Amino acid sequence: MKKNKYKIIEPFLNKEKKLKDLSSEHDIPYSTLKRWIKLYKEFGIKGLSKKIRSDKDSFRKADDETIKFVLKEHKKNPNINITTLYNNYLTFFKNKNINKLSYNTIYRIAINLDPFSQKIINENLNNIKKSNNIYRISTEKLYIKNLDVNDGVATIIIIYDVYDNSIINYKLFIGEAGEDHYLVFIRETIIKNKLKNYLVKPKYIFIDDFKMKNKERFFKILKELNIGEDAEITLEVNPQTVDRKKLEQLKKIGINRLSIGIQSFNDEKLKVLGRIHNKEVALNTYNDAREVGFENISIDLIFATPDQTIEELKKDLDIVERLSPEHISIYSLIWEEGTKFMDLLDKGELDPLDNDLEAKMYELIIERLKKIGYLHYEISNFSKKKYEGRHNSKYWKNKKYIGVGLGASGYYEGIRYKNEIEFLDYYKKIDSNEKPLMEVEVVSDKDNLENYYILGLRLLNKGIEIEDNIYMKKIKDLHERGYLKIEDDRYKLTSKGLMFSNDVFVEIME
């Protein structure tokens, strides 16, 4: 370990120091320290050690004997599934002196061998054709062999809102599955879990990292989900990934809101952040979006970058005023364990900005954006009237939701869960008629109340109710110290509370 994590958290465990003091002392985010404490309590010192992958050396190249075995098994039983195939493989090679291949490697071999790959496709298409028309997918031949991850194939996450039956999140990620192939599994998951009743006029769709080649077909499939006429369909793009032609295409197929990851209008700061675009490219992307007809644009900015000055921040805000986007998300740079910034910090090559200077910058941002007509509706989010980002509102209000698909998260009936993030792990469980869960956490009443307070305080116009519970003593103390105010019979963050919101949240959680 680069740092002795136990030594850092030991004073907190011994009740000698508060977590926020350790965070300031060691320049480590509160969330990171909380994660270390949780790992230590669950697994002891071992939990703080770097985890070594158990399958590190298992992805080996297939030999001819293994390929022959897979073909032979398919010939014997054309309906064999991957799990049975893998179990047969382990049995057959049990007493042979060879390095056993992993489940994922056997899967990769199988889907690249005819006729096994076509059997996988046909089997899942049959499931789809038997289902309700809302999950219908084209029955044309689907090619999933010889895929190259660099070709831009994508996978999809769909999250359903339990309260008003609408999709509130729709994310795309690079994966090893073909577009159509993965859509089949999404629909199969929906069918197996009997979630089709939640598909009623989705209102909020959010698309992240859009890599699909056949965008028109994707949106044709998307429209089968009976999207509401007033649905907000947001596409998140980076300036270097779209040109005017692509923007015209996206507008034509139904995107009605853009979120552009600009991060900064300063070329030097963009280099520090590891971005490959520059100020000129960012401005061109924004202007092109306006010219092709986008009337609802959000931009993402980052402040408190290493060595940033107040004057540099003012120049960014000058450009924001000139562009006049409908929505702005602006975050301070997070120094998170495991990121390149923390590595550079450990090496002494970068230093975080002074806390007082960062607070002044945040104060300037709030003052300037309010002055030019933006509503400060959430700690890091500003919008013009009626342009608040809809897709995050359910999360901020601690609403229940169901996640379906690769990497999807959900919160339902006191359970918080996350699905497998690797396609092959996800496929393995689906193929075995298991739920593709990677993490499951039972949310206690205490945790639920904690989430309610923190998420409620983040929404500046919402706040939290005044009521008697285990946190009220802390809430009253924060009120007396000027971090919270009472407005409309609810506790809300004051200007001071906004500046030190992380400290406020940590005190509530401790």
Protein backbone atom coordinates (compact mmCIF):
# COMPACT_ATOMS: atom_id res chain seq x y z
CA MET A 1 0.00 0.00 0.00
CA LYS A 2 1.25 3.47 -0.83
CA LYS A 3 -0.31 4.71 2.39
CA ASN A 4 -0.87 2.88 5.66
CA LYS A 5 -4.65 3.11 5.55
CA TYR A 6 -5.11 1.62 9.01
CA LYS A 7 -2.79 4.20 10.61
CA ILE A 8 -4.81 6.97 8.97
CA ILE A 9 -8.21 5.76 10.24
CA GLU A 10 -6.94 4.44 13.62
CA PRO A 11 -7.59 7.74 15.50
CA PHE A 12 -11.22 7.66 14.33
CA LEU A 13 -11.63 4.00 15.33
CA ASN A 14 -10.25 4.87 18.77
CA LYS A 15 -12.61 7.88 18.97
CA GLU A 16 -9.63 10.23 19.25
CA LYS A 17 -10.42 12.29 16.14
CA LYS A 18 -13.38 13.09 13.93
CA LEU A 19 -13.51 11.91 10.36
CA LYS A 20 -13.58 15.44 8.96
CA ASP A 21 -10.37 16.27 10.88
CA LEU A 22 -8.60 13.23 9.40
CA SER A 23 -9.83 14.20 5.96
CA SER A 24 -8.30 17.68 6.28
CA GLU A 25 -5.12 16.36 7.91
CA HIS A 26 -4.40 13.81 5.18
CA ASP A 27 -6.11 15.51 2.22
CA ILE A 28 -8.26 12.43 1.65
CA PRO A 29 -11.97 12.71 0.69
CA TYR A 30 -14.50 11.86 3.40
CA SER A 31 -16.09 9.24 1.15
CA THR A 32 -12.74 7.45 0.77
CA LEU A 33 -12.16 7.36 4.53
CA LYS A 34 -15.69 6.03 5.10
CA ARG A 35 -15.05 3.28 2.57
CA TRP A 36 -11.80 2.30 4.33
CA ILE A 37 -13.58 2.16 7.69
CA LYS A 38 -16.34 -0.02 6.25
CA LEU A 39 -13.78 -2.38 4.68
CA TYR A 40 -11.83 -2.61 7.94
CA LYS A 41 -14.94 -3.38 9.99
CA GLU A 42 -16.01 -6.09 7.55
CA PHE A 43 -12.68 -7.71 6.66
CA GLY A 44 -10.05 -6.40 9.08
CA ILE A 45 -6.58 -5.36 7.86
CA LYS A 46 -6.98 -7.57 4.77
CA GLY A 47 -9.86 -5.39 3.64
CA LEU A 48 -7.46 -2.45 3.36
CA SER A 49 -5.01 -4.31 1.15
CA LYS A 50 -5.01 -4.05 -2.62
CA LYS A 51 -7.25 -6.76 -4.05
CA ILE A 52 -5.66 -9.23 -6.43
CA ARG A 53 -7.94 -10.61 -9.13
CA SER A 54 -8.56 -14.31 -8.65
CA ASP A 55 -8.88 -14.74 -12.41
CA LYS A 56 -5.79 -12.73 -13.27
CA ASP A 57 -4.11 -15.47 -15.31
CA SER A 58 -7.18 -17.39 -16.40
CA PHE A 59 -7.87 -15.70 -19.74
CA ARG A 60 -5.60 -17.86 -21.86
CA LYS A 61 -5.65 -18.56 -25.55
CA ALA A 62 -7.77 -21.55 -26.47
CA ASP A 63 -5.94 -24.64 -27.76
CA ASP A 64 -7.18 -26.85 -30.60
CA GLU A 65 -8.28 -29.58 -28.20
CA THR A 66 -10.63 -27.18 -26.37
CA ILE A 67 -12.13 -25.89 -29.62
CA LYS A 68 -12.74 -29.47 -30.80
CA PHE A 69 -14.36 -30.25 -27.45
CA VAL A 70 -16.77 -27.28 -27.72
CA LEU A 71 -17.81 -28.27 -31.26
CA LYS A 72 -18.26 -31.90 -30.21
CA GLU A 73 -20.48 -30.90 -27.27
CA HIS A 74 -22.64 -28.76 -29.51
CA LYS A 75 -22.97 -31.57 -32.04
CA LYS A 76 -24.10 -33.97 -29.30
CA ASN A 77 -26.61 -31.46 -27.91
CA PRO A 78 -27.50 -28.46 -30.12
CA ASN A 79 -29.55 -26.98 -27.24
CA ILE A 80 -26.70 -26.95 -24.73
CA ASN A 81 -26.26 -23.70 -22.81
CA ILE A 82 -22.99 -22.05 -21.77
CA THR A 83 -23.20 -23.13 -18.13
CA THR A 84 -23.68 -26.81 -18.99
CA LEU A 85 -20.95 -26.58 -21.60
CA TYR A 86 -18.52 -25.14 -19.07
CA ASN A 87 -19.35 -27.78 -16.44
CA ASN A 88 -18.80 -30.51 -19.05
CA TYR A 89 -15.49 -28.90 -19.97
CA LEU A 90 -14.29 -28.95 -16.34
CA THR A 91 -15.33 -32.61 -15.97
CA PHE A 92 -13.67 -33.69 -19.23
CA PHE A 93 -10.36 -31.95 -18.49
CA LYS A 94 -10.41 -32.62 -14.74
CA ASN A 95 -7.51 -35.09 -14.67
CA LYS A 96 -5.51 -33.54 -17.50
CA ASN A 97 -2.40 -31.55 -16.71
CA ILE A 98 -3.44 -28.29 -18.40
CA ASN A 99 -4.29 -24.78 -17.25
CA LYS A 100 -8.07 -24.65 -17.04
CA LEU A 101 -9.77 -21.87 -18.97
CA SER A 102 -12.27 -19.56 -17.28
CA TYR A 103 -16.02 -19.52 -17.92
CA ASN A 104 -15.61 -16.23 -19.81
CA THR A 105 -12.97 -17.70 -22.13
CA ILE A 106 -15.14 -20.72 -22.95
CA TYR A 107 -17.98 -18.29 -23.67
CA ARG A 108 -15.77 -16.28 -26.04
CA ILE A 109 -14.76 -19.46 -27.86
CA ALA A 110 -18.36 -20.64 -28.16
CA ILE A 111 -19.84 -17.43 -29.59
CA ASN A 112 -17.16 -17.36 -32.28
CA LEU A 113 -17.79 -20.89 -33.49
CA ASP A 114 -20.54 -21.77 -35.95
CA PRO A 115 -23.16 -23.08 -35.42
CA PHE A 116 -22.97 -22.41 -31.67
CA SER A 117 -23.30 -18.62 -31.95
CA GLN A 118 -26.40 -18.86 -34.12
CA LYS A 119 -27.95 -21.20 -31.55
CA ILE A 120 -27.47 -18.53 -28.85
CA ILE A 121 -29.11 -15.90 -31.04
CA ASN A 122 -32.05 -18.05 -32.12
CA GLU A 123 -32.74 -19.23 -28.57
CA ASN A 124 -33.06 -15.68 -27.27
CA LEU A 125 -35.01 -14.43 -30.27
CA ASN A 126 -37.55 -17.18 -29.64
CA ASN A 127 -37.98 -15.89 -26.10
CA ILE A 128 -38.55 -12.38 -27.41
CA LYS A 129 -41.05 -13.39 -30.09
CA LYS A 130 -43.17 -15.16 -27.47
CA SER A 131 -43.33 -12.02 -25.35
CA ASN A 132 -45.49 -8.91 -25.50
CA ASN A 133 -45.02 -6.80 -28.65
CA ILE A 134 -43.54 -3.99 -26.60
CA TYR A 135 -40.32 -6.02 -26.40
CA ARG A 136 -40.33 -6.91 -30.09
CA ILE A 137 -36.97 -6.89 -31.82
CA SER A 138 -36.18 -7.41 -35.49
CA THR A 139 -35.92 -11.10 -36.41
CA GLU A 140 -33.30 -10.48 -39.07
CA LYS A 141 -30.06 -12.39 -38.56
CA LEU A 142 -27.97 -10.89 -35.78
CA TYR A 143 -24.21 -11.07 -36.23
CA ILE A 144 -22.32 -11.18 -32.95
CA LYS A 145 -19.16 -12.95 -34.04
CA ASN A 146 -15.68 -11.42 -34.35
CA LEU A 147 -16.60 -8.27 -32.48
CA ASP A 148 -13.92 -5.69 -31.81
CA VAL A 149 -14.45 -3.58 -28.70
CA ASN A 150 -12.97 -0.62 -30.58
CA ASP A 151 -15.76 -0.81 -33.16
CA GLY A 152 -17.99 1.16 -30.80
CA VAL A 153 -20.51 -1.52 -29.87
CA ALA A 154 -22.63 -0.58 -26.89
CA THR A 155 -24.60 -1.94 -24.00
CA ILE A 156 -27.60 -0.38 -22.33
CA ILE A 157 -28.86 0.30 -18.83
CA ILE A 158 -32.54 0.97 -18.21
CA ILE A 159 -33.80 2.18 -14.84
CA TYR A 160 -37.53 2.21 -14.09
CA ASP A 161 -39.19 4.55 -11.61
CA VAL A 162 -41.43 2.60 -9.25
CA TYR A 163 -43.71 5.49 -8.31
CA ASP A 164 -44.80 6.90 -11.66
CA ASN A 165 -43.81 4.02 -13.94
CA SER A 166 -41.36 5.91 -16.13
CA ILE A 167 -37.83 5.30 -17.31
CA ILE A 168 -35.59 7.77 -15.54
CA ASN A 169 -32.19 6.68 -16.77
CA TYR A 170 -30.87 5.17 -19.96
CA LYS A 171 -27.10 4.76 -20.17
CA LEU A 172 -24.80 3.35 -22.82
CA PHE A 173 -21.39 1.83 -22.19
CA ILE A 174 -18.74 0.18 -24.32
CA GLY A 175 -18.96 -3.60 -24.02
CA GLU A 176 -18.08 -6.84 -25.78
CA ALA A 177 -21.63 -7.66 -26.84
CA GLY A 178 -23.22 -6.62 -30.11
CA GLU A 179 -25.91 -3.96 -29.97
CA ASP A 180 -28.77 -6.25 -30.95
CA HIS A 181 -27.45 -9.15 -28.87
CA TYR A 182 -27.48 -7.07 -25.72
CA LEU A 183 -30.93 -5.66 -26.44
CA VAL A 184 -32.13 -9.26 -26.50
CA PHE A 185 -30.79 -9.84 -22.99
CA ILE A 186 -32.28 -6.59 -21.70
CA ARG A 187 -35.71 -7.68 -22.89
CA GLU A 188 -35.19 -11.22 -21.59
CA THR A 189 -34.34 -9.79 -18.17
CA ILE A 190 -37.45 -7.62 -18.20
CA ILE A 191 -39.60 -10.60 -19.14
CA LYS A 192 -38.09 -12.96 -16.56
CA ASN A 193 -38.51 -10.40 -13.78
CA LYS A 194 -42.06 -9.49 -14.88
CA LEU A 195 -41.21 -5.79 -15.09
CA LYS A 196 -43.19 -5.03 -18.22
CA ASN A 197 -45.96 -3.40 -16.16
CA TYR A 198 -43.58 -0.52 -15.43
CA LEU A 199 -43.31 0.46 -19.09
CA VAL A 200 -45.86 3.26 -19.20
CA LYS A 201 -44.95 6.45 -21.11
CA PRO A 202 -41.34 7.00 -19.95
CA LYS A 203 -40.69 10.67 -19.20
CA TYR A 204 -36.97 10.88 -18.53
CA ILE A 205 -34.33 9.20 -20.67
CA PHE A 206 -30.62 9.83 -20.17
CA ILE A 207 -28.05 8.51 -22.63
CA ASP A 208 -24.39 8.53 -21.66
CA ASP A 209 -21.34 7.86 -23.85
CA PHE A 210 -23.33 7.16 -27.04
CA LYS A 211 -21.29 4.63 -29.06
CA MET A 212 -23.93 2.82 -31.15
CA LYS A 213 -23.22 2.72 -34.86
CA ASN A 214 -26.82 2.30 -35.97
CA LYS A 215 -28.39 5.16 -34.02
CA GLU A 216 -31.54 5.22 -36.15
CA ARG A 217 -32.29 1.58 -35.38
CA PHE A 218 -31.62 2.11 -31.70
CA PHE A 219 -34.16 4.91 -31.51
CA LYS A 220 -36.65 2.87 -33.51
CA ILE A 221 -36.38 0.22 -30.79
CA LEU A 222 -36.50 2.91 -28.11
CA LYS A 223 -39.77 4.25 -29.49
CA GLU A 224 -41.33 0.80 -29.00
CA LEU A 225 -41.19 1.60 -25.29
CA ASN A 226 -44.10 4.02 -25.74
CA ILE A 227 -42.20 7.19 -24.81
CA GLY A 228 -44.35 10.08 -23.63
CA GLU A 229 -44.70 13.00 -26.02
CA ASP A 230 -43.19 15.37 -23.46
CA ALA A 231 -40.26 13.07 -22.62
CA GLU A 232 -36.93 14.73 -21.96
CA ILE A 233 -34.34 12.72 -23.93
CA THR A 234 -30.84 13.79 -22.94
CA LEU A 235 -27.66 12.78 -24.72
CA GLU A 236 -24.36 13.31 -22.92
CA VAL A 237 -21.53 14.09 -25.34
CA ASN A 238 -17.92 15.19 -25.21
CA PRO A 239 -16.84 17.93 -27.64
CA GLN A 240 -14.34 15.69 -29.44
CA THR A 241 -16.89 12.92 -30.12
CA VAL A 242 -19.48 14.82 -32.19
CA ASP A 243 -19.39 17.05 -35.25
CA ARG A 244 -22.13 19.07 -36.94
CA LYS A 245 -23.23 16.14 -39.10
CA LYS A 246 -23.66 13.86 -36.07
CA LEU A 247 -25.54 16.57 -34.20
CA GLU A 248 -27.96 16.96 -37.11
CA GLN A 249 -28.45 13.18 -37.14
CA LEU A 250 -29.09 13.05 -33.38
CA LYS A 251 -31.60 15.89 -33.53
CA LYS A 252 -33.40 14.12 -36.37
CA ILE A 253 -33.78 10.82 -34.49
CA GLY A 254 -35.31 12.33 -31.36
CA ILE A 255 -32.68 13.72 -28.97
CA ASN A 256 -34.11 16.94 -27.51
CA ARG A 257 -31.57 17.81 -24.81
CA LEU A 258 -27.76 17.84 -24.93
CA SER A 259 -25.36 17.67 -22.00
CA ILE A 260 -21.89 18.72 -23.20
CA GLY A 261 -18.86 17.75 -21.09
CA ILE A 262 -16.85 20.92 -21.65
CA GLN A 263 -15.19 20.95 -18.17
CA SER A 264 -13.19 24.14 -18.86
CA PHE A 265 -12.64 26.85 -21.47
CA ASN A 266 -8.95 27.06 -20.54
CA ASP A 267 -6.65 24.96 -22.74
CA GLU A 268 -4.04 24.44 -20.01
CA LYS A 269 -6.65 23.29 -17.50
CA LEU A 270 -8.12 20.90 -20.08
CA LYS A 271 -4.68 19.31 -20.46
CA VAL A 272 -4.39 18.89 -16.68
CA LEU A 273 -7.83 17.25 -16.64
CA GLY A 274 -6.71 14.85 -19.37
CA ARG A 275 -9.22 16.10 -21.96
CA ILE A 276 -8.34 15.79 -25.63
CA HIS A 277 -10.46 18.74 -26.80
CA ASN A 278 -9.57 22.42 -26.49
CA LYS A 279 -11.52 25.66 -26.03
CA GLU A 280 -12.08 26.12 -29.77
CA VAL A 281 -13.52 22.61 -30.21
CA ALA A 282 -15.79 23.09 -27.18
CA LEU A 283 -17.17 26.38 -28.52
CA ASN A 284 -17.65 24.93 -32.00
CA THR A 285 -19.60 21.97 -30.58
CA TYR A 286 -21.87 24.27 -28.58
CA ASN A 287 -22.47 26.66 -31.49
CA ASP A 288 -23.11 23.78 -33.93
CA ALA A 289 -25.67 22.33 -31.51
CA ARG A 290 -27.53 25.64 -31.42
CA GLU A 291 -27.43 26.02 -35.20
CA VAL A 292 -28.90 22.56 -35.86
CA GLY A 293 -31.82 23.33 -33.56
CA PHE A 294 -31.07 22.19 -29.98
CA GLU A 295 -33.03 24.49 -27.66
CA ASN A 296 -32.15 22.75 -24.38
CA ILE A 297 -28.42 22.46 -23.66
CA SER A 298 -26.59 21.73 -20.42
CA ILE A 299 -22.84 22.13 -19.98
CA ASP A 300 -20.55 20.51 -17.39
CA LEU A 301 -17.72 22.53 -15.83
CA ILE A 302 -15.06 21.72 -13.22
CA PHE A 303 -13.49 24.29 -10.90
CA ALA A 304 -10.78 24.23 -8.21
CA THR A 305 -8.35 22.54 -10.60
CA PRO A 306 -4.63 22.63 -9.64
CA ASP A 307 -3.23 26.21 -9.69
CA GLN A 308 -6.51 27.69 -10.94
CA THR A 309 -6.95 31.39 -10.15
CA ILE A 310 -10.03 33.50 -9.51
CA GLU A 311 -9.34 35.37 -12.76
CA GLU A 312 -9.30 32.12 -14.75
CA LEU A 313 -12.62 31.11 -13.22
CA LYS A 314 -14.11 34.53 -14.06
CA LYS A 315 -13.11 34.06 -17.71
CA ASP A 316 -14.93 30.70 -17.78
CA LEU A 317 -18.03 32.35 -16.30
CA ASP A 318 -17.81 35.19 -18.85
CA ILE A 319 -18.05 32.59 -21.63
CA VAL A 320 -20.95 30.85 -19.86
CA GLU A 321 -22.83 34.17 -19.76
CA ARG A 322 -22.19 34.71 -23.47
CA LEU A 323 -23.32 31.18 -24.44
CA SER A 324 -26.37 31.23 -22.14
CA PRO A 325 -27.03 27.46 -21.85
CA GLU A 326 -30.31 26.36 -20.26
CA HIS A 327 -28.55 24.29 -17.58
CA ILE A 328 -25.11 24.22 -15.92
CA SER A 329 -23.58 21.47 -13.75
CA ILE A 330 -20.42 22.71 -12.06
CA TYR A 331 -18.34 20.58 -9.69
CA SER A 332 -15.12 21.06 -7.76
CA LEU A 333 -12.33 18.65 -8.67
CA ILE A 334 -12.53 15.48 -6.55
CA TRP A 335 -9.26 13.99 -5.30
CA GLU A 336 -10.36 10.37 -5.11
CA GLU A 337 -8.17 7.41 -4.17
CA GLY A 338 -7.11 5.45 -7.26
CA THR A 339 -7.37 8.37 -9.69
CA LYS A 340 -4.47 9.86 -11.63
CA PHE A 341 -4.78 13.04 -9.55
CA MET A 342 -4.17 11.12 -6.32
CA ASP A 343 -1.20 9.36 -7.93
CA LEU A 344 0.27 12.72 -8.93
CA LEU A 345 -0.46 14.06 -5.44
CA ASP A 346 1.38 11.11 -3.88
CA LYS A 347 4.34 11.83 -6.17
CA GLY A 348 4.34 15.50 -5.21
CA GLU A 349 3.65 16.59 -8.80
CA LEU A 350 0.25 18.20 -8.09
CA ASP A 351 -1.30 19.96 -5.12
CA PRO A 352 -4.99 20.50 -4.40
CA LEU A 353 -6.25 24.06 -4.27
CA ASP A 354 -6.38 25.80 -0.90
CA ASN A 355 -9.73 25.17 0.83
CA ASP A 356 -10.36 28.88 1.43
CA LEU A 357 -9.71 29.69 -2.23
CA GLU A 358 -12.02 26.87 -3.33
CA ALA A 359 -14.77 28.27 -1.05
CA LYS A 360 -14.30 31.74 -2.57
CA MET A 361 -14.59 30.26 -6.06
CA TYR A 362 -17.83 28.47 -5.19
CA GLU A 363 -19.23 31.67 -3.68
CA LEU A 364 -18.29 33.57 -6.86
CA ILE A 365 -19.98 30.93 -9.05
CA ILE A 366 -23.25 31.14 -7.09
CA GLU A 367 -23.25 34.95 -7.05
CA ARG A 368 -22.40 35.29 -10.76
CA LEU A 369 -24.86 32.68 -12.07
CA LYS A 370 -27.72 33.99 -9.94
CA LYS A 371 -26.98 37.51 -11.19
CA ILE A 372 -27.42 36.44 -14.82
CA GLY A 373 -30.70 34.66 -14.18
CA TYR A 374 -29.93 31.07 -13.15
CA LEU A 375 -31.79 29.21 -10.40
CA HIS A 376 -29.47 27.43 -7.96
CA TYR A 377 -31.68 24.37 -7.38
CA GLU A 378 -29.11 21.77 -6.27
CA ILE A 379 -25.64 22.13 -4.74
CA SER A 380 -23.83 21.66 -8.06
CA ASN A 381 -26.61 22.48 -10.53
CA PHE A 382 -28.04 25.70 -11.95
CA SER A 383 -30.77 26.21 -14.52
CA LYS A 384 -32.97 28.75 -16.22
CA LYS A 385 -36.62 28.67 -15.18
CA LYS A 386 -38.33 25.32 -16.01
CA TYR A 387 -35.07 23.74 -17.24
CA GLU A 388 -34.02 21.75 -14.15
CA GLY A 389 -32.50 18.38 -15.13
CA ARG A 390 -35.41 15.95 -14.84
CA HIS A 391 -33.43 12.71 -15.06
CA ASN A 392 -31.69 13.18 -11.68
CA SER A 393 -34.70 14.47 -9.74
CA LYS A 394 -35.86 10.99 -8.70
CA TYR A 395 -32.45 10.11 -7.26
CA TRP A 396 -32.13 13.39 -5.35
CA LYS A 397 -35.59 12.86 -3.85
CA ASN A 398 -34.59 9.37 -2.62
CA LYS A 399 -37.33 7.72 -4.70
CA LYS A 400 -37.46 3.98 -5.28
CA TYR A 401 -36.41 2.72 -8.68
CA ILE A 402 -35.70 -0.57 -10.43
CA GLY A 403 -32.53 -1.06 -12.45
CA VAL A 404 -32.46 -3.46 -15.39
CA GLY A 405 -29.39 -4.34 -17.42
CA LEU A 406 -25.62 -4.34 -17.29
CA GLY A 407 -24.28 -2.34 -14.34
CA ALA A 408 -27.75 -1.00 -13.45
CA SER A 409 -28.39 0.05 -9.86
CA GLY A 410 -31.70 -0.16 -8.08
CA TYR A 411 -33.36 0.73 -4.79
CA TYR A 412 -36.57 -1.11 -3.93
CA GLU A 413 -38.30 -2.44 -0.80
CA GLY A 414 -35.35 -1.57 1.44
CA ILE A 415 -32.80 -3.24 -0.85
CA ARG A 416 -30.09 -1.39 -2.76
CA TYR A 417 -28.40 -3.44 -5.47
CA LYS A 418 -26.10 -3.28 -8.45
CA ASN A 419 -25.96 -5.65 -11.42
CA GLU A 420 -22.81 -7.17 -12.87
CA ILE A 421 -20.77 -4.59 -14.78
CA GLU A 422 -18.92 -7.04 -17.05
CA PHE A 423 -21.05 -8.41 -19.86
CA LEU A 424 -19.76 -11.98 -19.59
CA ASP A 425 -20.45 -12.12 -15.85
CA TYR A 426 -23.90 -10.72 -16.51
CA TYR A 427 -24.51 -13.25 -19.29
CA LYS A 428 -23.33 -16.17 -17.15
CA LYS A 429 -26.00 -15.48 -14.52
CA ILE A 430 -28.77 -14.77 -17.02
CA ASP A 431 -27.86 -18.00 -18.83
CA SER A 432 -28.17 -19.87 -15.51
CA ASN A 433 -31.56 -18.29 -14.75
CA GLU A 434 -30.04 -16.28 -11.90
CA LYS A 435 -30.50 -12.60 -11.18
CA PRO A 436 -27.36 -10.85 -12.47
CA LEU A 437 -26.55 -9.19 -9.14
CA MET A 438 -23.05 -8.07 -8.19
CA GLU A 439 -23.83 -6.20 -4.95
CA VAL A 440 -26.83 -6.33 -2.61
CA GLU A 441 -27.21 -4.14 0.48
CA VAL A 442 -30.07 -4.11 2.96
CA VAL A 443 -30.78 -0.45 3.71
CA SER A 444 -31.60 0.02 7.38
CA ASP A 445 -34.12 2.58 8.61
CA LYS A 446 -31.16 4.59 9.91
CA ASP A 447 -29.41 4.54 6.50
CA ASN A 448 -32.64 5.44 4.75
CA LEU A 449 -33.19 8.42 7.04
CA GLU A 450 -29.58 9.47 6.53
CA ASN A 451 -30.05 9.39 2.75
CA TYR A 452 -33.27 11.37 3.08
CA TYR A 453 -31.49 14.13 5.00
CA ILE A 454 -28.46 14.39 2.74
CA LEU A 455 -30.38 14.22 -0.54
CA GLY A 456 -33.05 16.57 0.80
CA LEU A 457 -30.47 19.17 1.81
CA ARG A 458 -28.81 18.94 -1.61
CA LEU A 459 -32.08 20.15 -3.16
CA LEU A 460 -31.91 23.75 -1.99
CA ASN A 461 -35.62 24.54 -2.36
CA LYS A 462 -36.74 21.27 -0.77
CA GLY A 463 -34.79 20.86 2.46
CA ILE A 464 -35.90 18.45 5.18
CA GLU A 465 -38.87 18.29 7.52
CA ILE A 466 -38.64 19.37 11.14
CA GLU A 467 -39.37 16.17 13.07
CA ASP A 468 -38.14 14.23 16.09
CA ASN A 469 -35.69 11.42 15.30
CA ILE A 470 -32.17 10.25 16.07
CA TYR A 471 -30.61 12.99 13.92
CA MET A 472 -32.53 15.97 15.29
CA LYS A 473 -29.92 16.82 17.93
CA LYS A 474 -27.26 17.10 15.20
CA ILE A 475 -29.63 19.05 12.94
CA LYS A 476 -30.41 21.56 15.71
CA ASP A 477 -26.71 21.93 16.47
CA LEU A 478 -25.95 22.66 12.80
CA HIS A 479 -28.81 25.19 12.83
CA GLU A 480 -27.43 26.96 15.90
CA ARG A 481 -23.96 27.15 14.30
CA GLY A 482 -25.34 28.80 11.17
CA TYR A 483 -25.08 25.92 8.70
CA LEU A 484 -28.85 25.40 8.45
CA LYS A 485 -31.82 27.76 8.43
CA ILE A 486 -35.56 27.26 8.92
CA GLU A 487 -37.62 28.30 5.91
CA ASP A 488 -41.21 27.25 5.11
CA ASP A 489 -41.13 24.98 8.19
CA ARG A 490 -38.18 23.02 6.78
CA TYR A 491 -34.44 22.97 7.44
CA LYS A 492 -32.37 24.17 4.49
CA LEU A 493 -28.69 24.92 3.93
CA THR A 494 -27.56 28.49 4.57
CA SER A 495 -24.87 30.19 2.46
CA LYS A 496 -22.36 29.01 5.06
CA GLY A 497 -23.82 25.51 4.89
CA LEU A 498 -23.42 25.50 1.11
CA MET A 499 -19.74 26.39 1.39
CA PHE A 500 -19.14 23.52 3.80
CA SER A 501 -21.84 21.08 2.67
CA ASN A 502 -19.48 18.08 2.81
CA ASP A 503 -18.72 18.89 6.45
CA VAL A 504 -22.45 19.15 7.17
CA PHE A 505 -23.15 15.75 5.60
CA VAL A 506 -20.25 14.12 7.44
CA GLU A 507 -21.51 15.44 10.79
CA ILE A 508 -24.97 14.03 10.08
CA MET A 509 -23.51 10.61 9.19
CA GLU A 510 -21.03 10.33 12.08
